[in-house]
Amino acid sequence: MFEPFQTNLAFMYLGSKGLTIHTMAPWIWGLVIVAGIIATITDLRNMTIPNWLTLPLFMAGLMYGGITEGSAGIIESLQGAAVAGGIFMMAYIMIGGGGGDVKLMMALGSWLGFERGVVLMLGVTIAGFFASIIIIISQGGLKNIPHAIFHQMVMAQFGLKRLKQGKVINHDSEEIYAQPAPRIKGWFPYAPAILVGTIGTCWYWSQFKGVM
């Protein structure tokens, strides 16, 4: 009889403290970091991030948000998924390739919510940038960096052209064939960068936000 009233009081208390259910559950960090570790292992071994990891993780994030906060929790989870995976989704739509990276980022974002999803997206982008620089230097030295930047600009223009033509996904991606697609020179598995970005997000939030 009093459960709805008690639930409303709980949500009012959390709101007064500037918290949501995502900030009240420190174990979520352990969950997303373990997911990042598993994805890193499979990406390094098989050059894929499996659906059996990303899809259940995403659905569980939505369910958790719905169970704990109702429709507001589901919206928060969807916003987290969108902001965490949005930039990677655009790259996938325009150029193709790592669909597993997109799904992993969306799954992690569904657990972390909007604000942490923003930090996650930035952290993973920074980690990926430095990883790409290291790969470029290891393969040919600093002289290859301008070439790599030019190559990425050309690929972006190519992606925009494909988008205007309605060709939104590269038909050579691993999402089409059962086996992973051949990788271009300089490619590296992105799951390790996602893992580093996730750990960095956890550290940043604990240090500068004051709550887990």
N, C-alpha and C. Protein backbone atom coordinates (compact mmCIF):
# COMPACT_ATOMS: atom_id res chain seq x y z
N MET A 1 0.82 -1.21 0.00
CA MET A 1 0.00 0.00 0.00
C MET A 1 0.85 1.26 0.00
N PHE A 2 1.94 1.23 0.80
CA PHE A 2 2.78 2.41 0.93
C PHE A 2 4.00 2.37 0.02
N GLU A 3 4.15 1.31 -0.78
CA GLU A 3 5.36 1.16 -1.60
C GLU A 3 5.53 2.30 -2.59
N PRO A 4 4.50 2.73 -3.36
CA PRO A 4 4.70 3.86 -4.28
C PRO A 4 5.14 5.12 -3.56
N PHE A 5 4.54 5.36 -2.37
CA PHE A 5 4.92 6.55 -1.60
C PHE A 5 6.37 6.47 -1.16
N GLN A 6 6.78 5.28 -0.70
CA GLN A 6 8.17 5.11 -0.27
C GLN A 6 9.13 5.26 -1.43
N THR A 7 8.74 4.74 -2.59
CA THR A 7 9.59 4.84 -3.78
C THR A 7 9.76 6.29 -4.19
N ASN A 8 8.65 7.05 -4.16
CA ASN A 8 8.73 8.47 -4.51
C ASN A 8 9.62 9.23 -3.54
N LEU A 9 9.52 8.89 -2.25
CA LEU A 9 10.38 9.53 -1.27
C LEU A 9 11.85 9.23 -1.55
N ALA A 10 12.13 7.97 -1.94
CA ALA A 10 13.51 7.59 -2.24
C ALA A 10 14.05 8.38 -3.42
N PHE A 11 13.24 8.52 -4.49
CA PHE A 11 13.68 9.26 -5.66
C PHE A 11 13.86 10.74 -5.33
N MET A 12 12.96 11.29 -4.47
CA MET A 12 13.09 12.69 -4.07
C MET A 12 14.39 12.90 -3.29
N TYR A 13 14.73 11.92 -2.45
CA TYR A 13 15.97 12.03 -1.67
C TYR A 13 17.18 12.00 -2.58
N LEU A 14 17.19 11.06 -3.54
CA LEU A 14 18.31 10.97 -4.47
C LEU A 14 18.43 12.25 -5.28
N GLY A 15 17.30 12.79 -5.73
CA GLY A 15 17.35 14.02 -6.51
C GLY A 15 17.87 15.18 -5.70
N SER A 16 17.52 15.23 -4.41
CA SER A 16 18.00 16.33 -3.57
C SER A 16 19.50 16.28 -3.38
N LYS A 17 20.07 15.09 -3.49
CA LYS A 17 21.51 14.91 -3.35
C LYS A 17 22.24 15.00 -4.69
N GLY A 18 21.47 15.22 -5.77
CA GLY A 18 22.08 15.29 -7.09
C GLY A 18 22.54 13.94 -7.60
N LEU A 19 21.88 12.87 -7.12
CA LEU A 19 22.31 11.52 -7.47
C LEU A 19 21.23 10.82 -8.28
N THR A 20 21.64 9.83 -9.04
CA THR A 20 20.71 8.92 -9.68
C THR A 20 21.10 7.52 -9.27
N ILE A 21 20.34 6.55 -9.71
CA ILE A 21 20.65 5.17 -9.34
C ILE A 21 22.02 4.77 -9.88
N HIS A 22 22.47 5.40 -10.99
CA HIS A 22 23.77 5.08 -11.55
C HIS A 22 24.89 5.47 -10.60
N THR A 23 24.73 6.59 -9.89
CA THR A 23 25.77 7.02 -8.96
C THR A 23 25.69 6.25 -7.65
N MET A 24 24.58 5.55 -7.39
CA MET A 24 24.39 4.85 -6.13
C MET A 24 24.84 3.39 -6.21
N ALA A 25 25.38 2.97 -7.32
CA ALA A 25 25.74 1.56 -7.49
C ALA A 25 27.19 1.45 -7.95
N PRO A 26 28.15 1.48 -7.01
CA PRO A 26 29.57 1.42 -7.39
C PRO A 26 29.95 0.14 -8.14
N TRP A 27 29.20 -0.95 -7.92
CA TRP A 27 29.54 -2.21 -8.57
C TRP A 27 29.40 -2.13 -10.10
N ILE A 28 28.66 -1.12 -10.58
CA ILE A 28 28.51 -0.97 -12.03
C ILE A 28 29.87 -0.76 -12.69
N TRP A 29 30.77 -0.03 -11.99
CA TRP A 29 32.11 0.17 -12.55
C TRP A 29 32.81 -1.17 -12.76
N GLY A 30 32.69 -2.05 -11.76
CA GLY A 30 33.29 -3.37 -11.92
C GLY A 30 32.73 -4.12 -13.10
N LEU A 31 31.41 -4.01 -13.29
CA LEU A 31 30.75 -4.69 -14.41
C LEU A 31 31.27 -4.21 -15.75
N VAL A 32 31.32 -2.89 -15.94
CA VAL A 32 31.73 -2.36 -17.24
C VAL A 32 33.22 -2.59 -17.49
N ILE A 33 34.03 -2.57 -16.45
CA ILE A 33 35.46 -2.84 -16.63
C ILE A 33 35.69 -4.30 -17.00
N VAL A 34 34.98 -5.22 -16.33
CA VAL A 34 35.09 -6.64 -16.69
C VAL A 34 34.64 -6.86 -18.13
N ALA A 35 33.56 -6.20 -18.53
CA ALA A 35 33.10 -6.30 -19.92
C ALA A 35 34.17 -5.79 -20.88
N GLY A 36 34.85 -4.70 -20.51
CA GLY A 36 35.94 -4.18 -21.34
C GLY A 36 37.10 -5.15 -21.44
N ILE A 37 37.40 -5.84 -20.34
CA ILE A 37 38.49 -6.82 -20.35
C ILE A 37 38.14 -7.99 -21.28
N ILE A 38 36.91 -8.49 -21.16
CA ILE A 38 36.49 -9.60 -22.03
C ILE A 38 36.54 -9.18 -23.50
N ALA A 39 36.04 -7.97 -23.79
CA ALA A 39 36.06 -7.48 -25.17
C ALA A 39 37.48 -7.32 -25.68
N THR A 40 38.39 -6.88 -24.83
CA THR A 40 39.79 -6.72 -25.23
C THR A 40 40.40 -8.07 -25.59
N ILE A 41 40.12 -9.08 -24.77
CA ILE A 41 40.67 -10.42 -25.03
C ILE A 41 40.15 -10.96 -26.36
N THR A 42 38.84 -10.86 -26.60
CA THR A 42 38.29 -11.39 -27.85
C THR A 42 38.74 -10.57 -29.06
N ASP A 43 38.89 -9.26 -28.88
CA ASP A 43 39.32 -8.41 -30.00
C ASP A 43 40.77 -8.69 -30.37
N LEU A 44 41.61 -8.90 -29.37
CA LEU A 44 43.02 -9.20 -29.65
C LEU A 44 43.18 -10.59 -30.25
N ARG A 45 42.37 -11.53 -29.81
CA ARG A 45 42.49 -12.91 -30.30
C ARG A 45 41.84 -13.10 -31.67
N ASN A 46 40.62 -12.59 -31.81
CA ASN A 46 39.81 -12.89 -32.99
C ASN A 46 39.45 -11.68 -33.85
N MET A 47 39.89 -10.48 -33.44
CA MET A 47 39.58 -9.25 -34.15
C MET A 47 38.07 -8.98 -34.21
N THR A 48 37.34 -9.45 -33.20
CA THR A 48 35.90 -9.19 -33.12
C THR A 48 35.50 -8.96 -31.66
N ILE A 49 34.43 -8.21 -31.49
CA ILE A 49 33.79 -8.07 -30.19
C ILE A 49 32.43 -8.75 -30.32
N PRO A 50 32.21 -9.87 -29.65
CA PRO A 50 31.05 -10.72 -29.94
C PRO A 50 29.73 -10.12 -29.48
N ASN A 51 28.68 -10.47 -30.21
CA ASN A 51 27.33 -10.03 -29.85
C ASN A 51 26.87 -10.62 -28.53
N TRP A 52 27.37 -11.83 -28.20
CA TRP A 52 26.93 -12.45 -26.95
C TRP A 52 27.39 -11.64 -25.73
N LEU A 53 28.35 -10.75 -25.93
CA LEU A 53 28.77 -9.86 -24.85
C LEU A 53 28.01 -8.54 -24.89
N THR A 54 27.97 -7.91 -26.07
CA THR A 54 27.46 -6.54 -26.15
C THR A 54 25.94 -6.44 -26.05
N LEU A 55 25.22 -7.32 -26.74
CA LEU A 55 23.76 -7.19 -26.77
C LEU A 55 23.11 -7.48 -25.42
N PRO A 56 23.47 -8.60 -24.74
CA PRO A 56 22.90 -8.80 -23.39
C PRO A 56 23.29 -7.70 -22.41
N LEU A 57 24.52 -7.18 -22.55
CA LEU A 57 24.96 -6.10 -21.66
C LEU A 57 24.11 -4.85 -21.88
N PHE A 58 23.83 -4.54 -23.13
CA PHE A 58 22.99 -3.38 -23.45
C PHE A 58 21.58 -3.56 -22.92
N MET A 59 20.98 -4.73 -23.18
CA MET A 59 19.62 -4.97 -22.73
C MET A 59 19.53 -4.97 -21.20
N ALA A 60 20.55 -5.52 -20.55
CA ALA A 60 20.56 -5.54 -19.09
C ALA A 60 20.64 -4.12 -18.53
N GLY A 61 21.41 -3.25 -19.21
CA GLY A 61 21.49 -1.86 -18.78
C GLY A 61 20.14 -1.16 -18.84
N LEU A 62 19.41 -1.40 -19.93
CA LEU A 62 18.07 -0.81 -20.06
C LEU A 62 17.13 -1.37 -18.99
N MET A 63 17.19 -2.68 -18.78
CA MET A 63 16.32 -3.31 -17.78
C MET A 63 16.64 -2.78 -16.39
N TYR A 64 17.91 -2.64 -16.08
CA TYR A 64 18.31 -2.14 -14.77
C TYR A 64 17.80 -0.72 -14.56
N GLY A 65 17.94 0.11 -15.58
CA GLY A 65 17.42 1.47 -15.48
C GLY A 65 15.92 1.48 -15.28
N GLY A 66 15.20 0.60 -15.99
CA GLY A 66 13.76 0.55 -15.85
C GLY A 66 13.31 0.04 -14.49
N ILE A 67 14.00 -0.97 -13.98
CA ILE A 67 13.63 -1.54 -12.69
C ILE A 67 13.88 -0.56 -11.55
N THR A 68 14.99 0.15 -11.63
CA THR A 68 15.38 1.02 -10.52
C THR A 68 14.76 2.41 -10.58
N GLU A 69 14.50 2.91 -11.79
CA GLU A 69 14.00 4.29 -11.91
C GLU A 69 12.80 4.43 -12.83
N GLY A 70 12.29 3.32 -13.32
CA GLY A 70 11.14 3.40 -14.20
C GLY A 70 11.50 3.98 -15.56
N SER A 71 10.56 4.71 -16.15
CA SER A 71 10.79 5.27 -17.48
C SER A 71 11.95 6.26 -17.50
N ALA A 72 12.14 6.99 -16.38
CA ALA A 72 13.26 7.93 -16.31
C ALA A 72 14.59 7.19 -16.39
N GLY A 73 14.66 6.01 -15.78
CA GLY A 73 15.88 5.22 -15.83
C GLY A 73 16.16 4.69 -17.22
N ILE A 74 15.11 4.28 -17.93
CA ILE A 74 15.29 3.80 -19.31
C ILE A 74 15.78 4.93 -20.20
N ILE A 75 15.19 6.11 -20.03
CA ILE A 75 15.62 7.27 -20.82
C ILE A 75 17.08 7.61 -20.52
N GLU A 76 17.45 7.57 -19.24
CA GLU A 76 18.84 7.84 -18.86
C GLU A 76 19.79 6.84 -19.50
N SER A 77 19.40 5.57 -19.51
CA SER A 77 20.24 4.54 -20.13
C SER A 77 20.37 4.75 -21.63
N LEU A 78 19.26 5.08 -22.28
CA LEU A 78 19.29 5.33 -23.72
C LEU A 78 20.14 6.55 -24.05
N GLN A 79 20.05 7.58 -23.23
CA GLN A 79 20.88 8.76 -23.44
C GLN A 79 22.36 8.42 -23.27
N GLY A 80 22.67 7.61 -22.27
CA GLY A 80 24.06 7.19 -22.08
C GLY A 80 24.57 6.39 -23.26
N ALA A 81 23.73 5.48 -23.77
CA ALA A 81 24.13 4.68 -24.92
C ALA A 81 24.34 5.56 -26.15
N ALA A 82 23.46 6.54 -26.33
CA ALA A 82 23.55 7.41 -27.51
C ALA A 82 24.80 8.28 -27.47
N VAL A 83 25.09 8.88 -26.31
CA VAL A 83 26.23 9.79 -26.25
C VAL A 83 27.55 9.02 -26.25
N ALA A 84 27.57 7.83 -25.67
CA ALA A 84 28.81 7.05 -25.65
C ALA A 84 29.11 6.46 -27.02
N GLY A 85 28.08 6.00 -27.71
CA GLY A 85 28.31 5.33 -28.99
C GLY A 85 28.06 6.18 -30.21
N GLY A 86 27.59 7.42 -30.02
CA GLY A 86 27.18 8.23 -31.16
C GLY A 86 28.27 8.49 -32.18
N ILE A 87 29.43 8.94 -31.71
CA ILE A 87 30.52 9.28 -32.63
C ILE A 87 31.04 8.03 -33.34
N PHE A 88 31.01 6.90 -32.64
CA PHE A 88 31.46 5.64 -33.25
C PHE A 88 30.41 5.14 -34.25
N MET A 89 29.14 5.37 -33.95
CA MET A 89 28.09 5.01 -34.89
C MET A 89 28.21 5.82 -36.17
N MET A 90 28.51 7.11 -36.07
CA MET A 90 28.68 7.94 -37.26
C MET A 90 29.83 7.43 -38.12
N ALA A 91 30.95 7.06 -37.46
CA ALA A 91 32.09 6.53 -38.21
C ALA A 91 31.71 5.22 -38.90
N TYR A 92 30.93 4.39 -38.22
CA TYR A 92 30.51 3.12 -38.80
C TYR A 92 29.57 3.34 -39.98
N ILE A 93 28.64 4.26 -39.85
CA ILE A 93 27.70 4.54 -40.93
C ILE A 93 28.41 5.10 -42.15
N MET A 94 29.38 5.98 -41.92
CA MET A 94 30.04 6.67 -43.02
C MET A 94 31.11 5.82 -43.68
N ILE A 95 31.83 5.03 -42.89
CA ILE A 95 32.99 4.32 -43.42
C ILE A 95 32.83 2.81 -43.33
N GLY A 96 32.15 2.32 -42.28
CA GLY A 96 32.03 0.90 -42.05
C GLY A 96 33.08 0.42 -41.07
N GLY A 97 33.20 -0.89 -40.95
CA GLY A 97 34.22 -1.43 -40.04
C GLY A 97 33.64 -1.81 -38.71
N GLY A 98 34.27 -1.31 -37.63
CA GLY A 98 34.05 -1.83 -36.30
C GLY A 98 32.68 -1.67 -35.71
N GLY A 99 31.73 -2.48 -36.14
CA GLY A 99 30.41 -2.46 -35.53
C GLY A 99 30.42 -2.94 -34.10
N GLY A 100 31.34 -3.84 -33.77
CA GLY A 100 31.44 -4.32 -32.40
C GLY A 100 31.84 -3.22 -31.44
N ASP A 101 32.69 -2.30 -31.91
CA ASP A 101 33.08 -1.16 -31.07
C ASP A 101 31.86 -0.30 -30.74
N VAL A 102 31.02 -0.07 -31.74
CA VAL A 102 29.81 0.73 -31.54
C VAL A 102 28.91 0.08 -30.49
N LYS A 103 28.67 -1.21 -30.66
CA LYS A 103 27.76 -1.91 -29.75
C LYS A 103 28.32 -1.97 -28.34
N LEU A 104 29.64 -2.13 -28.22
CA LEU A 104 30.24 -2.15 -26.89
C LEU A 104 30.09 -0.80 -26.21
N MET A 105 30.37 0.28 -26.93
CA MET A 105 30.24 1.62 -26.36
C MET A 105 28.79 1.91 -25.95
N MET A 106 27.84 1.51 -26.77
CA MET A 106 26.44 1.73 -26.43
C MET A 106 26.05 0.91 -25.21
N ALA A 107 26.57 -0.31 -25.12
CA ALA A 107 26.26 -1.15 -23.96
C ALA A 107 26.82 -0.56 -22.68
N LEU A 108 28.06 -0.08 -22.74
CA LEU A 108 28.66 0.54 -21.56
C LEU A 108 27.90 1.81 -21.18
N GLY A 109 27.54 2.60 -22.19
CA GLY A 109 26.81 3.83 -21.93
C GLY A 109 25.45 3.59 -21.31
N SER A 110 24.82 2.46 -21.65
CA SER A 110 23.50 2.17 -21.08
C SER A 110 23.57 1.95 -19.58
N TRP A 111 24.72 1.54 -19.09
CA TRP A 111 24.91 1.36 -17.65
C TRP A 111 25.38 2.65 -16.97
N LEU A 112 26.12 3.48 -17.68
CA LEU A 112 26.73 4.64 -17.04
C LEU A 112 25.86 5.89 -17.07
N GLY A 113 24.90 5.95 -17.99
CA GLY A 113 24.06 7.13 -18.06
C GLY A 113 24.69 8.25 -18.88
N PHE A 114 23.99 9.38 -18.95
CA PHE A 114 24.38 10.43 -19.88
C PHE A 114 25.70 11.09 -19.50
N GLU A 115 25.81 11.61 -18.28
CA GLU A 115 27.00 12.38 -17.91
C GLU A 115 28.26 11.53 -17.97
N ARG A 116 28.19 10.35 -17.42
CA ARG A 116 29.36 9.47 -17.47
C ARG A 116 29.61 8.98 -18.89
N GLY A 117 28.53 8.86 -19.67
CA GLY A 117 28.69 8.49 -21.07
C GLY A 117 29.49 9.51 -21.85
N VAL A 118 29.28 10.79 -21.53
CA VAL A 118 30.07 11.86 -22.17
C VAL A 118 31.54 11.70 -21.83
N VAL A 119 31.83 11.49 -20.54
CA VAL A 119 33.22 11.32 -20.11
C VAL A 119 33.82 10.07 -20.74
N LEU A 120 33.04 8.99 -20.83
CA LEU A 120 33.52 7.76 -21.45
C LEU A 120 33.87 7.99 -22.91
N MET A 121 33.00 8.66 -23.65
CA MET A 121 33.25 8.93 -25.06
C MET A 121 34.55 9.72 -25.24
N LEU A 122 34.73 10.75 -24.42
CA LEU A 122 35.95 11.56 -24.51
C LEU A 122 37.18 10.74 -24.12
N GLY A 123 37.07 9.96 -23.05
CA GLY A 123 38.20 9.16 -22.60
C GLY A 123 38.62 8.12 -23.63
N VAL A 124 37.65 7.45 -24.23
CA VAL A 124 37.96 6.43 -25.24
C VAL A 124 38.55 7.08 -26.49
N THR A 125 38.02 8.23 -26.88
CA THR A 125 38.55 8.94 -28.05
C THR A 125 40.01 9.34 -27.83
N ILE A 126 40.32 9.86 -26.64
CA ILE A 126 41.70 10.24 -26.33
C ILE A 126 42.60 9.02 -26.31
N ALA A 127 42.15 7.94 -25.68
CA ALA A 127 42.95 6.71 -25.63
C ALA A 127 43.19 6.17 -27.02
N GLY A 128 42.17 6.19 -27.87
CA GLY A 128 42.32 5.71 -29.24
C GLY A 128 43.27 6.57 -30.05
N PHE A 129 43.23 7.89 -29.82
CA PHE A 129 44.13 8.80 -30.53
C PHE A 129 45.58 8.48 -30.21
N PHE A 130 45.90 8.35 -28.93
CA PHE A 130 47.28 8.07 -28.55
C PHE A 130 47.71 6.67 -29.01
N ALA A 131 46.77 5.72 -28.98
CA ALA A 131 47.10 4.38 -29.47
C ALA A 131 47.43 4.41 -30.95
N SER A 132 46.66 5.17 -31.73
CA SER A 132 46.93 5.26 -33.17
C SER A 132 48.27 5.92 -33.44
N ILE A 133 48.63 6.95 -32.65
CA ILE A 133 49.93 7.60 -32.82
C ILE A 133 51.05 6.61 -32.55
N ILE A 134 50.90 5.81 -31.49
CA ILE A 134 51.92 4.82 -31.15
C ILE A 134 52.06 3.80 -32.27
N ILE A 135 50.93 3.34 -32.81
CA ILE A 135 50.96 2.36 -33.90
C ILE A 135 51.65 2.95 -35.12
N ILE A 136 51.31 4.18 -35.47
CA ILE A 136 51.90 4.83 -36.64
C ILE A 136 53.41 4.97 -36.47
N ILE A 137 53.84 5.42 -35.30
CA ILE A 137 55.27 5.60 -35.05
C ILE A 137 56.00 4.27 -35.10
N SER A 138 55.39 3.23 -34.52
CA SER A 138 56.04 1.92 -34.49
C SER A 138 56.17 1.31 -35.88
N GLN A 139 55.28 1.70 -36.80
CA GLN A 139 55.30 1.13 -38.15
C GLN A 139 56.14 1.94 -39.13
N GLY A 140 56.39 3.21 -38.83
CA GLY A 140 57.16 3.97 -39.82
C GLY A 140 57.75 5.25 -39.32
N GLY A 141 57.59 5.54 -38.05
CA GLY A 141 58.18 6.75 -37.51
C GLY A 141 57.27 7.96 -37.64
N LEU A 142 57.77 9.09 -37.16
CA LEU A 142 56.99 10.33 -37.14
C LEU A 142 56.61 10.82 -38.53
N LYS A 143 57.39 10.45 -39.53
CA LYS A 143 57.11 10.92 -40.89
C LYS A 143 55.78 10.41 -41.41
N ASN A 144 55.24 9.34 -40.82
CA ASN A 144 53.97 8.78 -41.28
C ASN A 144 52.75 9.49 -40.71
N ILE A 145 52.95 10.33 -39.69
CA ILE A 145 51.81 10.97 -39.05
C ILE A 145 51.06 11.90 -40.01
N PRO A 146 51.74 12.81 -40.75
CA PRO A 146 50.99 13.65 -41.71
C PRO A 146 50.23 12.82 -42.74
N HIS A 147 50.85 11.74 -43.21
CA HIS A 147 50.18 10.87 -44.18
C HIS A 147 48.93 10.25 -43.56
N ALA A 148 49.02 9.83 -42.31
CA ALA A 148 47.88 9.22 -41.64
C ALA A 148 46.74 10.22 -41.47
N ILE A 149 47.08 11.45 -41.12
CA ILE A 149 46.06 12.49 -40.97
C ILE A 149 45.38 12.77 -42.31
N PHE A 150 46.17 12.86 -43.38
CA PHE A 150 45.62 13.08 -44.72
C PHE A 150 44.72 11.91 -45.12
N HIS A 151 45.16 10.70 -44.80
CA HIS A 151 44.37 9.51 -45.14
C HIS A 151 43.01 9.55 -44.43
N GLN A 152 43.00 9.95 -43.16
CA GLN A 152 41.74 10.01 -42.42
C GLN A 152 40.81 11.08 -42.99
N MET A 153 41.39 12.19 -43.46
CA MET A 153 40.57 13.24 -44.07
C MET A 153 39.94 12.74 -45.36
N VAL A 154 40.72 12.00 -46.14
CA VAL A 154 40.18 11.43 -47.38
C VAL A 154 39.08 10.43 -47.08
N MET A 155 39.30 9.59 -46.06
CA MET A 155 38.29 8.60 -45.69
C MET A 155 37.01 9.28 -45.20
N ALA A 156 37.14 10.40 -44.49
CA ALA A 156 35.96 11.12 -44.02
C ALA A 156 35.17 11.68 -45.20
N GLN A 157 35.88 12.23 -46.19
CA GLN A 157 35.20 12.74 -47.38
C GLN A 157 34.53 11.61 -48.15
N PHE A 158 35.21 10.47 -48.22
CA PHE A 158 34.65 9.30 -48.87
C PHE A 158 33.38 8.85 -48.16
N GLY A 159 33.43 8.87 -46.83
CA GLY A 159 32.26 8.47 -46.04
C GLY A 159 31.08 9.39 -46.26
N LEU A 160 31.33 10.70 -46.33
CA LEU A 160 30.26 11.65 -46.59
C LEU A 160 29.64 11.43 -47.96
N LYS A 161 30.49 11.12 -48.94
CA LYS A 161 29.99 10.85 -50.29
C LYS A 161 29.10 9.62 -50.30
N ARG A 162 29.54 8.57 -49.59
CA ARG A 162 28.74 7.34 -49.50
C ARG A 162 27.40 7.63 -48.82
N LEU A 163 27.45 8.48 -47.79
CA LEU A 163 26.24 8.80 -47.05
C LEU A 163 25.23 9.51 -47.95
N LYS A 164 25.71 10.45 -48.78
CA LYS A 164 24.84 11.18 -49.69
C LYS A 164 24.24 10.24 -50.74
N GLN A 165 24.99 9.19 -51.09
CA GLN A 165 24.51 8.23 -52.09
C GLN A 165 23.62 7.16 -51.48
N GLY A 166 23.45 7.21 -50.16
CA GLY A 166 22.62 6.22 -49.49
C GLY A 166 23.33 4.92 -49.18
N LYS A 167 24.64 4.89 -49.40
CA LYS A 167 25.44 3.69 -49.09
C LYS A 167 26.02 3.89 -47.70
N VAL A 168 25.24 3.52 -46.69
CA VAL A 168 25.58 3.92 -45.33
C VAL A 168 26.53 2.97 -44.63
N ILE A 169 26.68 1.75 -45.12
CA ILE A 169 27.55 0.80 -44.45
C ILE A 169 28.48 0.15 -45.46
N ASN A 170 29.74 0.06 -45.10
CA ASN A 170 30.74 -0.58 -45.95
C ASN A 170 30.41 -2.06 -46.07
N HIS A 171 30.20 -2.52 -47.29
CA HIS A 171 29.81 -3.91 -47.49
C HIS A 171 30.95 -4.88 -47.24
N ASP A 172 32.15 -4.37 -46.98
CA ASP A 172 33.27 -5.24 -46.65
C ASP A 172 33.46 -5.39 -45.15
N SER A 173 32.54 -4.86 -44.35
CA SER A 173 32.72 -4.91 -42.90
C SER A 173 32.46 -6.31 -42.37
N GLU A 174 32.93 -6.57 -41.13
CA GLU A 174 32.75 -7.89 -40.55
C GLU A 174 31.30 -8.14 -40.18
N GLU A 175 30.46 -7.11 -40.24
CA GLU A 175 29.06 -7.31 -39.95
C GLU A 175 28.35 -8.01 -41.13
N ILE A 176 28.97 -8.02 -42.30
CA ILE A 176 28.36 -8.65 -43.47
C ILE A 176 28.82 -10.09 -43.60
N TYR A 177 30.13 -10.29 -43.51
CA TYR A 177 30.67 -11.62 -43.67
C TYR A 177 30.77 -12.32 -42.33
N ALA A 178 30.74 -13.64 -42.39
CA ALA A 178 30.85 -14.42 -41.15
C ALA A 178 32.23 -14.27 -40.54
N GLN A 179 33.25 -14.09 -41.37
CA GLN A 179 34.61 -13.94 -40.89
C GLN A 179 34.98 -12.47 -40.87
N PRO A 180 35.90 -12.08 -39.95
CA PRO A 180 36.34 -10.69 -39.92
C PRO A 180 36.92 -10.25 -41.25
N ALA A 181 36.66 -9.01 -41.61
CA ALA A 181 37.15 -8.48 -42.89
C ALA A 181 38.64 -8.24 -42.82
N PRO A 182 39.33 -8.26 -43.97
CA PRO A 182 40.75 -7.90 -43.98
C PRO A 182 40.95 -6.50 -43.45
N ARG A 183 42.01 -6.31 -42.66
CA ARG A 183 42.27 -5.02 -42.04
C ARG A 183 43.32 -4.25 -42.82
N ILE A 184 43.12 -2.95 -42.90
CA ILE A 184 44.09 -2.13 -43.58
C ILE A 184 45.33 -1.98 -42.73
N LYS A 185 46.43 -1.62 -43.37
CA LYS A 185 47.67 -1.41 -42.65
C LYS A 185 47.50 -0.27 -41.66
N GLY A 186 47.97 -0.50 -40.45
CA GLY A 186 47.82 0.51 -39.41
C GLY A 186 46.60 0.29 -38.52
N TRP A 187 45.74 -0.66 -38.92
CA TRP A 187 44.57 -0.95 -38.10
C TRP A 187 45.01 -1.56 -36.78
N PHE A 188 44.28 -1.28 -35.73
CA PHE A 188 44.53 -1.93 -34.45
C PHE A 188 43.19 -2.18 -33.77
N PRO A 189 43.09 -3.26 -32.98
CA PRO A 189 41.84 -3.54 -32.28
C PRO A 189 41.53 -2.42 -31.30
N TYR A 190 40.29 -1.97 -31.30
CA TYR A 190 39.93 -0.77 -30.53
C TYR A 190 39.46 -1.08 -29.12
N ALA A 191 39.15 -2.34 -28.84
CA ALA A 191 38.66 -2.68 -27.51
C ALA A 191 39.63 -2.30 -26.39
N PRO A 192 40.97 -2.47 -26.59
CA PRO A 192 41.88 -2.01 -25.53
C PRO A 192 41.75 -0.52 -25.23
N ALA A 193 41.54 0.29 -26.27
CA ALA A 193 41.34 1.73 -26.05
C ALA A 193 40.05 1.99 -25.29
N ILE A 194 39.02 1.20 -25.59
CA ILE A 194 37.76 1.34 -24.86
C ILE A 194 37.94 0.97 -23.40
N LEU A 195 38.72 -0.09 -23.15
CA LEU A 195 39.00 -0.49 -21.76
C LEU A 195 39.76 0.60 -21.02
N VAL A 196 40.79 1.15 -21.64
CA VAL A 196 41.56 2.22 -21.01
C VAL A 196 40.68 3.43 -20.74
N GLY A 197 39.84 3.78 -21.72
CA GLY A 197 38.93 4.90 -21.54
C GLY A 197 37.93 4.66 -20.42
N THR A 198 37.47 3.42 -20.28
CA THR A 198 36.52 3.08 -19.22
C THR A 198 37.17 3.21 -17.84
N ILE A 199 38.39 2.68 -17.72
CA ILE A 199 39.12 2.81 -16.46
C ILE A 199 39.40 4.27 -16.15
N GLY A 200 39.78 5.03 -17.18
CA GLY A 200 40.03 6.45 -17.00
C GLY A 200 38.78 7.20 -16.56
N THR A 201 37.62 6.81 -17.09
CA THR A 201 36.36 7.44 -16.69
C THR A 201 36.05 7.15 -15.23
N CYS A 202 36.28 5.91 -14.82
CA CYS A 202 36.07 5.53 -13.42
C CYS A 202 36.97 6.36 -12.51
N TRP A 203 38.23 6.48 -12.87
CA TRP A 203 39.18 7.27 -12.06
C TRP A 203 38.76 8.74 -12.01
N TYR A 204 38.41 9.29 -13.16
CA TYR A 204 38.02 10.71 -13.20
C TYR A 204 36.80 10.95 -12.32
N TRP A 205 35.81 10.08 -12.42
CA TRP A 205 34.58 10.30 -11.67
C TRP A 205 34.82 10.20 -10.17
N SER A 206 35.65 9.23 -9.76
CA SER A 206 35.92 9.06 -8.34
C SER A 206 36.74 10.21 -7.78
N GLN A 207 37.60 10.81 -8.62
CA GLN A 207 38.48 11.87 -8.16
C GLN A 207 37.82 13.24 -8.17
N PHE A 208 37.03 13.51 -9.19
CA PHE A 208 36.54 14.87 -9.40
C PHE A 208 35.03 15.04 -9.20
N LYS A 209 34.30 13.93 -9.14
CA LYS A 209 32.86 14.04 -8.91
C LYS A 209 32.49 13.71 -7.47
N GLY A 210 33.40 13.07 -6.75
CA GLY A 210 33.18 12.85 -5.33
C GLY A 210 32.39 11.62 -4.97
N VAL A 211 31.64 11.05 -5.94
CA VAL A 211 30.87 9.84 -5.67
C VAL A 211 31.11 8.87 -6.81
N MET A 212 30.98 7.60 -6.53
CA MET A 212 31.13 6.59 -7.56
C MET A 212 29.81 6.42 -8.31
